[in-house]
PDB file of N, CA and C in Angstrom:
ATOM      1  N   MET A   1       7.886   2.827   3.792  1.00  0.00           N
ATOM      2  CA  MET A   1       7.559   3.840   2.822  1.00  0.00           C
ATOM      3  C   MET A   1       6.094   3.673   2.467  1.00  0.00           C
ATOM      4  N   ALA A   2       5.422   4.760   2.317  1.00  0.00           N
ATOM      5  CA  ALA A   2       4.030   4.751   1.896  1.00  0.00           C
ATOM      6  C   ALA A   2       3.817   5.929   0.964  1.00  0.00           C
ATOM      7  N   ARG A   3       2.814   5.836   0.161  1.00  0.00           N
ATOM      8  CA  ARG A   3       2.397   6.859  -0.800  1.00  0.00           C
ATOM      9  C   ARG A   3       2.975   6.593  -2.181  1.00  0.00           C
ATOM     10  N   ALA A   4       2.503   7.396  -3.117  1.00  0.00           N
ATOM     11  CA  ALA A   4       2.864   7.229  -4.522  1.00  0.00           C
ATOM     12  C   ALA A   4       4.315   7.580  -4.789  1.00  0.00           C
ATOM     13  N   LEU A   5       4.877   6.889  -5.718  1.00  0.00           N
ATOM     14  CA  LEU A   5       6.200   7.212  -6.241  1.00  0.00           C
ATOM     15  C   LEU A   5       6.049   7.421  -7.735  1.00  0.00           C
ATOM     16  N   GLY A   6       6.779   8.322  -8.289  1.00  0.00           N
ATOM     17  CA  GLY A   6       6.692   8.554  -9.725  1.00  0.00           C
ATOM     18  C   GLY A   6       6.603  10.023 -10.036  1.00  0.00           C
ATOM     19  N   PRO A   7       6.019  10.354 -11.191  1.00  0.00           N
ATOM     20  CA  PRO A   7       6.032  11.740 -11.669  1.00  0.00           C
ATOM     21  C   PRO A   7       4.947  12.631 -11.066  1.00  0.00           C
ATOM     22  N   VAL A   8       4.547  12.382  -9.846  1.00  0.00           N
ATOM     23  CA  VAL A   8       3.534  13.203  -9.195  1.00  0.00           C
ATOM     24  C   VAL A   8       4.254  14.200  -8.296  1.00  0.00           C
ATOM     25  N   ASP A   9       4.138  15.493  -8.619  1.00  0.00           N
ATOM     26  CA  ASP A   9       4.901  16.519  -7.912  1.00  0.00           C
ATOM     27  C   ASP A   9       4.517  16.687  -6.445  1.00  0.00           C
ATOM     28  N   ASP A  10       3.248  16.530  -6.120  1.00  0.00           N
ATOM     29  CA  ASP A  10       2.823  16.833  -4.758  1.00  0.00           C
ATOM     30  C   ASP A  10       2.848  15.631  -3.818  1.00  0.00           C
ATOM     31  N   GLU A  11       3.278  14.495  -4.282  1.00  0.00           N
ATOM     32  CA  GLU A  11       3.348  13.312  -3.427  1.00  0.00           C
ATOM     33  C   GLU A  11       4.747  13.155  -2.859  1.00  0.00           C
ATOM     34  N   ARG A  12       4.826  13.007  -1.577  1.00  0.00           N
ATOM     35  CA  ARG A  12       6.092  12.756  -0.891  1.00  0.00           C
ATOM     36  C   ARG A  12       5.955  11.434  -0.141  1.00  0.00           C
ATOM     37  N   PRO A  13       6.900  10.535  -0.304  1.00  0.00           N
ATOM     38  CA  PRO A  13       6.795   9.265   0.422  1.00  0.00           C
ATOM     39  C   PRO A  13       6.972   9.478   1.921  1.00  0.00           C
ATOM     40  N   GLU A  14       6.302   8.659   2.696  1.00  0.00           N
ATOM     41  CA  GLU A  14       6.512   8.632   4.137  1.00  0.00           C
ATOM     42  C   GLU A  14       7.571   7.571   4.388  1.00  0.00           C
ATOM     43  N   LEU A  15       8.640   7.939   5.055  1.00  0.00           N
ATOM     44  CA  LEU A  15       9.748   7.025   5.290  1.00  0.00           C
ATOM     45  C   LEU A  15       9.889   6.720   6.769  1.00  0.00           C
ATOM     46  N   ALA A  16      10.316   5.508   7.059  1.00  0.00           N
ATOM     47  CA  ALA A  16      10.596   5.106   8.437  1.00  0.00           C
ATOM     48  C   ALA A  16      11.717   4.082   8.406  1.00  0.00           C
ATOM     49  N   ARG A  17      12.551   4.109   9.410  1.00  0.00           N
ATOM     50  CA  ARG A  17      13.607   3.104   9.545  1.00  0.00           C
ATOM     51  C   ARG A  17      13.123   2.030  10.508  1.00  0.00           C
ATOM     52  N   LEU A  18      13.315   0.795  10.095  1.00  0.00           N
ATOM     53  CA  LEU A  18      12.922  -0.334  10.921  1.00  0.00           C
ATOM     54  C   LEU A  18      14.124  -1.239  11.111  1.00  0.00           C
ATOM     55  N   GLU A  19      14.224  -1.844  12.259  1.00  0.00           N
ATOM     56  CA  GLU A  19      15.263  -2.833  12.476  1.00  0.00           C
ATOM     57  C   GLU A  19      14.710  -4.178  12.021  1.00  0.00           C
ATOM     58  N   LEU A  20      15.319  -4.743  11.000  1.00  0.00           N
ATOM     59  CA  LEU A  20      14.872  -6.022  10.465  1.00  0.00           C
ATOM     60  C   LEU A  20      15.710  -7.138  11.060  1.00  0.00           C
ATOM     61  N   VAL A  21      15.049  -8.229  11.391  1.00  0.00           N
ATOM     62  CA  VAL A  21      15.749  -9.393  11.915  1.00  0.00           C
ATOM     63  C   VAL A  21      15.333 -10.618  11.107  1.00  0.00           C
ATOM     64  N   ALA A  22      16.181 -11.623  11.135  1.00  0.00           N
ATOM     65  CA  ALA A  22      15.878 -12.862  10.420  1.00  0.00           C
ATOM     66  C   ALA A  22      14.493 -13.358  10.836  1.00  0.00           C
ATOM     67  N   GLY A  23      13.692 -13.719   9.848  1.00  0.00           N
ATOM     68  CA  GLY A  23      12.338 -14.193  10.104  1.00  0.00           C
ATOM     69  C   GLY A  23      11.262 -13.151   9.849  1.00  0.00           C
ATOM     70  N   ASP A  24      11.645 -11.879   9.758  1.00  0.00           N
ATOM     71  CA  ASP A  24      10.668 -10.841   9.423  1.00  0.00           C
ATOM     72  C   ASP A  24      10.206 -11.023   7.984  1.00  0.00           C
ATOM     73  N   ARG A  25       9.010 -10.585   7.716  1.00  0.00           N
ATOM     74  CA  ARG A  25       8.462 -10.614   6.352  1.00  0.00           C
ATOM     75  C   ARG A  25       7.784  -9.278   6.119  1.00  0.00           C
ATOM     76  N   PHE A  26       7.993  -8.709   4.928  1.00  0.00           N
ATOM     77  CA  PHE A  26       7.292  -7.464   4.633  1.00  0.00           C
ATOM     78  C   PHE A  26       6.749  -7.474   3.221  1.00  0.00           C
ATOM     79  N   LEU A  27       5.881  -6.505   2.945  1.00  0.00           N
ATOM     80  CA  LEU A  27       5.120  -6.441   1.703  1.00  0.00           C
ATOM     81  C   LEU A  27       5.296  -5.086   1.043  1.00  0.00           C
ATOM     82  N   LEU A  28       5.564  -5.103  -0.245  1.00  0.00           N
ATOM     83  CA  LEU A  28       5.496  -3.913  -1.091  1.00  0.00           C
ATOM     84  C   LEU A  28       4.371  -4.185  -2.080  1.00  0.00           C
ATOM     85  N   CYS A  29       3.426  -3.252  -2.194  1.00  0.00           N
ATOM     86  CA  CYS A  29       2.295  -3.497  -3.089  1.00  0.00           C
ATOM     87  C   CYS A  29       1.732  -2.189  -3.617  1.00  0.00           C
ATOM     88  N   THR A  30       0.942  -2.309  -4.661  1.00  0.00           N
ATOM     89  CA  THR A  30       0.244  -1.156  -5.217  1.00  0.00           C
ATOM     90  C   THR A  30      -1.118  -1.012  -4.541  1.00  0.00           C
ATOM     91  N   ASP A  31      -1.761   0.109  -4.810  1.00  0.00           N
ATOM     92  CA  ASP A  31      -3.065   0.365  -4.199  1.00  0.00           C
ATOM     93  C   ASP A  31      -4.160  -0.548  -4.730  1.00  0.00           C
ATOM     94  N   GLY A  32      -3.898  -1.267  -5.800  1.00  0.00           N
ATOM     95  CA  GLY A  32      -4.860  -2.262  -6.258  1.00  0.00           C
ATOM     96  C   GLY A  32      -5.070  -3.347  -5.219  1.00  0.00           C
ATOM     97  N   LEU A  33      -4.034  -3.611  -4.437  1.00  0.00           N
ATOM     98  CA  LEU A  33      -4.132  -4.572  -3.342  1.00  0.00           C
ATOM     99  C   LEU A  33      -4.551  -3.881  -2.046  1.00  0.00           C
ATOM    100  N   SER A  34      -3.827  -2.848  -1.650  1.00  0.00           N
ATOM    101  CA  SER A  34      -4.100  -2.200  -0.359  1.00  0.00           C
ATOM    102  C   SER A  34      -5.460  -1.508  -0.325  1.00  0.00           C
ATOM    103  N   GLY A  35      -5.972  -1.100  -1.483  1.00  0.00           N
ATOM    104  CA  GLY A  35      -7.283  -0.471  -1.522  1.00  0.00           C
ATOM    105  C   GLY A  35      -8.431  -1.458  -1.496  1.00  0.00           C
ATOM    106  N   ALA A  36      -8.142  -2.729  -1.762  1.00  0.00           N
ATOM    107  CA  ALA A  36      -9.193  -3.738  -1.832  1.00  0.00           C
ATOM    108  C   ALA A  36      -9.332  -4.553  -0.553  1.00  0.00           C
ATOM    109  N   LEU A  37      -8.266  -4.619   0.244  1.00  0.00           N
ATOM    110  CA  LEU A  37      -8.270  -5.475   1.429  1.00  0.00           C
ATOM    111  C   LEU A  37      -8.027  -4.665   2.700  1.00  0.00           C
ATOM    112  N   GLU A  38      -8.649  -5.077   3.765  1.00  0.00           N
ATOM    113  CA  GLU A  38      -8.419  -4.466   5.074  1.00  0.00           C
ATOM    114  C   GLU A  38      -7.028  -4.863   5.572  1.00  0.00           C
ATOM    115  N   PRO A  39      -6.389  -4.006   6.363  1.00  0.00           N
ATOM    116  CA  PRO A  39      -5.055  -4.333   6.889  1.00  0.00           C
ATOM    117  C   PRO A  39      -4.997  -5.677   7.616  1.00  0.00           C
ATOM    118  N   GLU A  40      -6.052  -6.036   8.336  1.00  0.00           N
ATOM    119  CA  GLU A  40      -6.074  -7.309   9.054  1.00  0.00           C
ATOM    120  C   GLU A  40      -6.044  -8.483   8.084  1.00  0.00           C
ATOM    121  N   ALA A  41      -6.765  -8.372   6.972  1.00  0.00           N
ATOM    122  CA  ALA A  41      -6.771  -9.430   5.965  1.00  0.00           C
ATOM    123  C   ALA A  41      -5.402  -9.552   5.311  1.00  0.00           C
ATOM    124  N   ILE A  42      -4.785  -8.411   5.021  1.00  0.00           N
ATOM    125  CA  ILE A  42      -3.446  -8.417   4.430  1.00  0.00           C
ATOM    126  C   ILE A  42      -2.470  -9.094   5.384  1.00  0.00           C
ATOM    127  N   ALA A  43      -2.509  -8.729   6.659  1.00  0.00           N
ATOM    128  CA  ALA A  43      -1.597  -9.316   7.645  1.00  0.00           C
ATOM    129  C   ALA A  43      -1.789 -10.825   7.738  1.00  0.00           C
ATOM    130  N   GLY A  44      -3.024 -11.272   7.718  1.00  0.00           N
ATOM    131  CA  GLY A  44      -3.289 -12.707   7.795  1.00  0.00           C
ATOM    132  C   GLY A  44      -2.768 -13.460   6.592  1.00  0.00           C
ATOM    133  N   LEU A  45      -3.002 -12.928   5.407  1.00  0.00           N
ATOM    134  CA  LEU A  45      -2.553 -13.595   4.182  1.00  0.00           C
ATOM    135  C   LEU A  45      -1.050 -13.489   3.989  1.00  0.00           C
ATOM    136  N   LEU A  46      -0.443 -12.486   4.558  1.00  0.00           N
ATOM    137  CA  LEU A  46       1.003 -12.309   4.433  1.00  0.00           C
ATOM    138  C   LEU A  46       1.759 -13.467   5.077  1.00  0.00           C
ATOM    139  N   GLY A  47       1.159 -14.121   6.042  1.00  0.00           N
ATOM    140  CA  GLY A  47       1.808 -15.236   6.724  1.00  0.00           C
ATOM    141  C   GLY A  47       1.610 -16.585   6.062  1.00  0.00           C
ATOM    142  N   VAL A  48       0.960 -16.627   4.906  1.00  0.00           N
ATOM    143  CA  VAL A  48       0.674 -17.888   4.227  1.00  0.00           C
ATOM    144  C   VAL A  48       1.919 -18.420   3.528  1.00  0.00           C
ATOM    145  N   GLY A  49       2.408 -19.593   3.910  1.00  0.00           N
ATOM    146  CA  GLY A  49       3.452 -20.323   3.190  1.00  0.00           C
ATOM    147  C   GLY A  49       4.693 -19.531   2.837  1.00  0.00           C
ATOM    148  N   GLU A  50       5.269 -19.907   1.696  1.00  0.00           N
ATOM    149  CA  GLU A  50       6.453 -19.235   1.166  1.00  0.00           C
ATOM    150  C   GLU A  50       6.048 -17.898   0.545  1.00  0.00           C
ATOM    151  N   VAL A  51       7.036 -17.072   0.193  1.00  0.00           N
ATOM    152  CA  VAL A  51       6.730 -15.733  -0.324  1.00  0.00           C
ATOM    153  C   VAL A  51       5.854 -15.785  -1.571  1.00  0.00           C
ATOM    154  N   GLU A  52       6.115 -16.746  -2.464  1.00  0.00           N
ATOM    155  CA  GLU A  52       5.316 -16.848  -3.687  1.00  0.00           C
ATOM    156  C   GLU A  52       3.862 -17.155  -3.361  1.00  0.00           C
ATOM    157  N   GLU A  53       3.650 -18.068  -2.417  1.00  0.00           N
ATOM    158  CA  GLU A  53       2.286 -18.433  -2.021  1.00  0.00           C
ATOM    159  C   GLU A  53       1.563 -17.254  -1.369  1.00  0.00           C
ATOM    160  N   ALA A  54       2.262 -16.529  -0.537  1.00  0.00           N
ATOM    161  CA  ALA A  54       1.653 -15.365   0.113  1.00  0.00           C
ATOM    162  C   ALA A  54       1.279 -14.306  -0.919  1.00  0.00           C
ATOM    163  N   ALA A  55       2.177 -14.043  -1.869  1.00  0.00           N
ATOM    164  CA  ALA A  55       1.897 -13.049  -2.911  1.00  0.00           C
ATOM    165  C   ALA A  55       0.692 -13.468  -3.747  1.00  0.00           C
ATOM    166  N   GLU A  56       0.633 -14.746  -4.110  1.00  0.00           N
ATOM    167  CA  GLU A  56      -0.497 -15.238  -4.898  1.00  0.00           C
ATOM    168  C   GLU A  56      -1.799 -15.152  -4.103  1.00  0.00           C
ATOM    169  N   ALA A  57      -1.757 -15.503  -2.817  1.00  0.00           N
ATOM    170  CA  ALA A  57      -2.958 -15.446  -1.977  1.00  0.00           C
ATOM    171  C   ALA A  57      -3.450 -14.008  -1.823  1.00  0.00           C
ATOM    172  N   LEU A  58      -2.534 -13.080  -1.624  1.00  0.00           N
ATOM    173  CA  LEU A  58      -2.900 -11.668  -1.493  1.00  0.00           C
ATOM    174  C   LEU A  58      -3.524 -11.139  -2.782  1.00  0.00           C
ATOM    175  N   THR A  59      -2.898 -11.440  -3.911  1.00  0.00           N
ATOM    176  CA  THR A  59      -3.402 -10.967  -5.201  1.00  0.00           C
ATOM    177  C   THR A  59      -4.779 -11.550  -5.489  1.00  0.00           C
ATOM    178  N   ALA A  60      -4.939 -12.857  -5.266  1.00  0.00           N
ATOM    179  CA  ALA A  60      -6.233 -13.505  -5.502  1.00  0.00           C
ATOM    180  C   ALA A  60      -7.313 -12.904  -4.607  1.00  0.00           C
ATOM    181  N   ALA A  61      -6.990 -12.658  -3.348  1.00  0.00           N
ATOM    182  CA  ALA A  61      -7.971 -12.084  -2.421  1.00  0.00           C
ATOM    183  C   ALA A  61      -8.392 -10.681  -2.852  1.00  0.00           C
ATOM    184  N   ALA A  62      -7.441  -9.895  -3.351  1.00  0.00           N
ATOM    185  CA  ALA A  62      -7.776  -8.543  -3.810  1.00  0.00           C
ATOM    186  C   ALA A  62      -8.715  -8.598  -5.010  1.00  0.00           C
ATOM    187  N   PHE A  63      -8.456  -9.500  -5.953  1.00  0.00           N
ATOM    188  CA  PHE A  63      -9.355  -9.646  -7.101  1.00  0.00           C
ATOM    189  C   PHE A  63     -10.729 -10.128  -6.646  1.00  0.00           C
ATOM    190  N   GLU A  64     -10.750 -11.095  -5.721  1.00  0.00           N
ATOM    191  CA  GLU A  64     -12.021 -11.609  -5.203  1.00  0.00           C
ATOM    192  C   GLU A  64     -12.802 -10.528  -4.460  1.00  0.00           C
ATOM    193  N   ALA A  65     -12.087  -9.582  -3.856  1.00  0.00           N
ATOM    194  CA  ALA A  65     -12.737  -8.481  -3.133  1.00  0.00           C
ATOM    195  C   ALA A  65     -13.249  -7.402  -4.080  1.00  0.00           C
ATOM    196  N   GLY A  66     -12.972  -7.561  -5.375  1.00  0.00           N
ATOM    197  CA  GLY A  66     -13.507  -6.623  -6.354  1.00  0.00           C
ATOM    198  C   GLY A  66     -12.551  -5.575  -6.864  1.00  0.00           C
ATOM    199  N   SER A  67     -11.257  -5.721  -6.606  1.00  0.00           N
ATOM    200  CA  SER A  67     -10.299  -4.731  -7.104  1.00  0.00           C
ATOM    201  C   SER A  67     -10.385  -4.641  -8.618  1.00  0.00           C
ATOM    202  N   ARG A  68     -10.469  -3.426  -9.117  1.00  0.00           N
ATOM    203  CA  ARG A  68     -10.514  -3.197 -10.559  1.00  0.00           C
ATOM    204  C   ARG A  68      -9.222  -2.547 -11.044  1.00  0.00           C
ATOM    205  N   ASP A  69      -8.298  -2.323 -10.125  1.00  0.00           N
ATOM    206  CA  ASP A  69      -7.021  -1.684 -10.429  1.00  0.00           C
ATOM    207  C   ASP A  69      -5.975  -2.766 -10.686  1.00  0.00           C
ATOM    208  N   ASN A  70      -4.872  -2.366 -11.301  1.00  0.00           N
ATOM    209  CA  ASN A  70      -3.780  -3.324 -11.446  1.00  0.00           C
ATOM    210  C   ASN A  70      -3.199  -3.619 -10.067  1.00  0.00           C
ATOM    211  N   ILE A  71      -2.660  -4.829  -9.911  1.00  0.00           N
ATOM    212  CA  ILE A  71      -2.144  -5.257  -8.611  1.00  0.00           C
ATOM    213  C   ILE A  71      -0.718  -5.751  -8.785  1.00  0.00           C
ATOM    214  N   THR A  72       0.182  -5.163  -8.022  1.00  0.00           N
ATOM    215  CA  THR A  72       1.558  -5.641  -7.946  1.00  0.00           C
ATOM    216  C   THR A  72       1.833  -5.968  -6.492  1.00  0.00           C
ATOM    217  N   THR A  73       2.368  -7.164  -6.263  1.00  0.00           N
ATOM    218  CA  THR A  73       2.598  -7.641  -4.905  1.00  0.00           C
ATOM    219  C   THR A  73       3.989  -8.240  -4.812  1.00  0.00           C
ATOM    220  N   LEU A  74       4.787  -7.754  -3.879  1.00  0.00           N
ATOM    221  CA  LEU A  74       6.124  -8.293  -3.635  1.00  0.00           C
ATOM    222  C   LEU A  74       6.232  -8.604  -2.151  1.00  0.00           C
ATOM    223  N   VAL A  75       6.423  -9.877  -1.833  1.00  0.00           N
ATOM    224  CA  VAL A  75       6.585 -10.323  -0.451  1.00  0.00           C
ATOM    225  C   VAL A  75       8.055 -10.674  -0.258  1.00  0.00           C
ATOM    226  N   VAL A  76       8.642 -10.162   0.813  1.00  0.00           N
ATOM    227  CA  VAL A  76      10.074 -10.342   1.059  1.00  0.00           C
ATOM    228  C   VAL A  76      10.279 -10.952   2.441  1.00  0.00           C
ATOM    229  N   ASP A  77      11.058 -12.035   2.491  1.00  0.00           N
ATOM    230  CA  ASP A  77      11.477 -12.619   3.762  1.00  0.00           C
ATOM    231  C   ASP A  77      12.880 -12.141   4.085  1.00  0.00           C
ATOM    232  N   VAL A  78      13.097 -11.749   5.318  1.00  0.00           N
ATOM    233  CA  VAL A  78      14.430 -11.368   5.776  1.00  0.00           C
ATOM    234  C   VAL A  78      15.106 -12.644   6.259  1.00  0.00           C
ATOM    235  N   ARG A  79      16.198 -13.011   5.604  1.00  0.00           N
ATOM    236  CA  ARG A  79      16.899 -14.257   5.927  1.00  0.00           C
ATOM    237  C   ARG A  79      17.987 -14.063   6.970  1.00  0.00           C
ATOM    238  N   ALA A  80      18.570 -12.869   7.013  1.00  0.00           N
ATOM    239  CA  ALA A  80      19.641 -12.596   7.975  1.00  0.00           C
ATOM    240  C   ALA A  80      19.600 -11.126   8.346  1.00  0.00           C
ATOM    241  N   ALA A  81      20.021 -10.823   9.534  1.00  0.00           N
ATOM    242  CA  ALA A  81      20.086  -9.428   9.967  1.00  0.00           C
ATOM    243  C   ALA A  81      21.184  -8.715   9.199  1.00  0.00           C
ATOM    244  N   VAL A  82      20.958  -7.451   8.883  1.00  0.00           N
ATOM    245  CA  VAL A  82      21.939  -6.637   8.167  1.00  0.00           C
ATOM    246  C   VAL A  82      22.447  -5.569   9.120  1.00  0.00           C
ATOM    247  N   ARG A  83      23.734  -5.439   9.193  1.00  0.00           N
ATOM    248  CA  ARG A  83      24.328  -4.417  10.063  1.00  0.00           C
ATOM    249  C   ARG A  83      24.660  -3.200   9.220  1.00  0.00           C
ATOM    250  N   GLY A  84      24.257  -2.031   9.699  1.00  0.00           N
ATOM    251  CA  GLY A  84      24.535  -0.792   8.978  1.00  0.00           C
ATOM    252  C   GLY A  84      23.501  -0.546   7.905  1.00  0.00           C
ATOM    253  N   VAL A  85      23.318   0.715   7.596  1.00  0.00           N
ATOM    254  CA  VAL A  85      22.348   1.117   6.583  1.00  0.00           C
ATOM    255  C   VAL A  85      23.039   2.061   5.622  1.00  0.00           C
ATOM    256  N   ALA A  86      22.928   1.770   4.326  1.00  0.00           N
ATOM    257  CA  ALA A  86      23.501   2.661   3.312  1.00  0.00           C
ATOM    258  C   ALA A  86      22.624   3.892   3.187  1.00  0.00           C
ATOM    259  N   GLY A  87      23.230   5.020   2.857  1.00  0.00           N
ATOM    260  CA  GLY A  87      22.457   6.219   2.579  1.00  0.00           C
ATOM    261  C   GLY A  87      22.413   7.088   3.741  1.00  0.00           C
TER     262      GLY A  87
END
């Protein structure tokens, strides 16, 4: 999913289905992070340590890069494959 969520009428999220397997890691974040760091930097920091360490490293890097926006960072590790998709 990409794009804004909330009370903005003209914004529609971009959705995609991905097959997740144990060991995958993904990131949900606000534009305070994604607007401050290049995708390559985000990908590199996403692999740092445990999820908490990666989230802290990403947030710190965004502030160091000059982000003036609020930053929310959620790093998720997939521990097991899930069969079937709700919805």
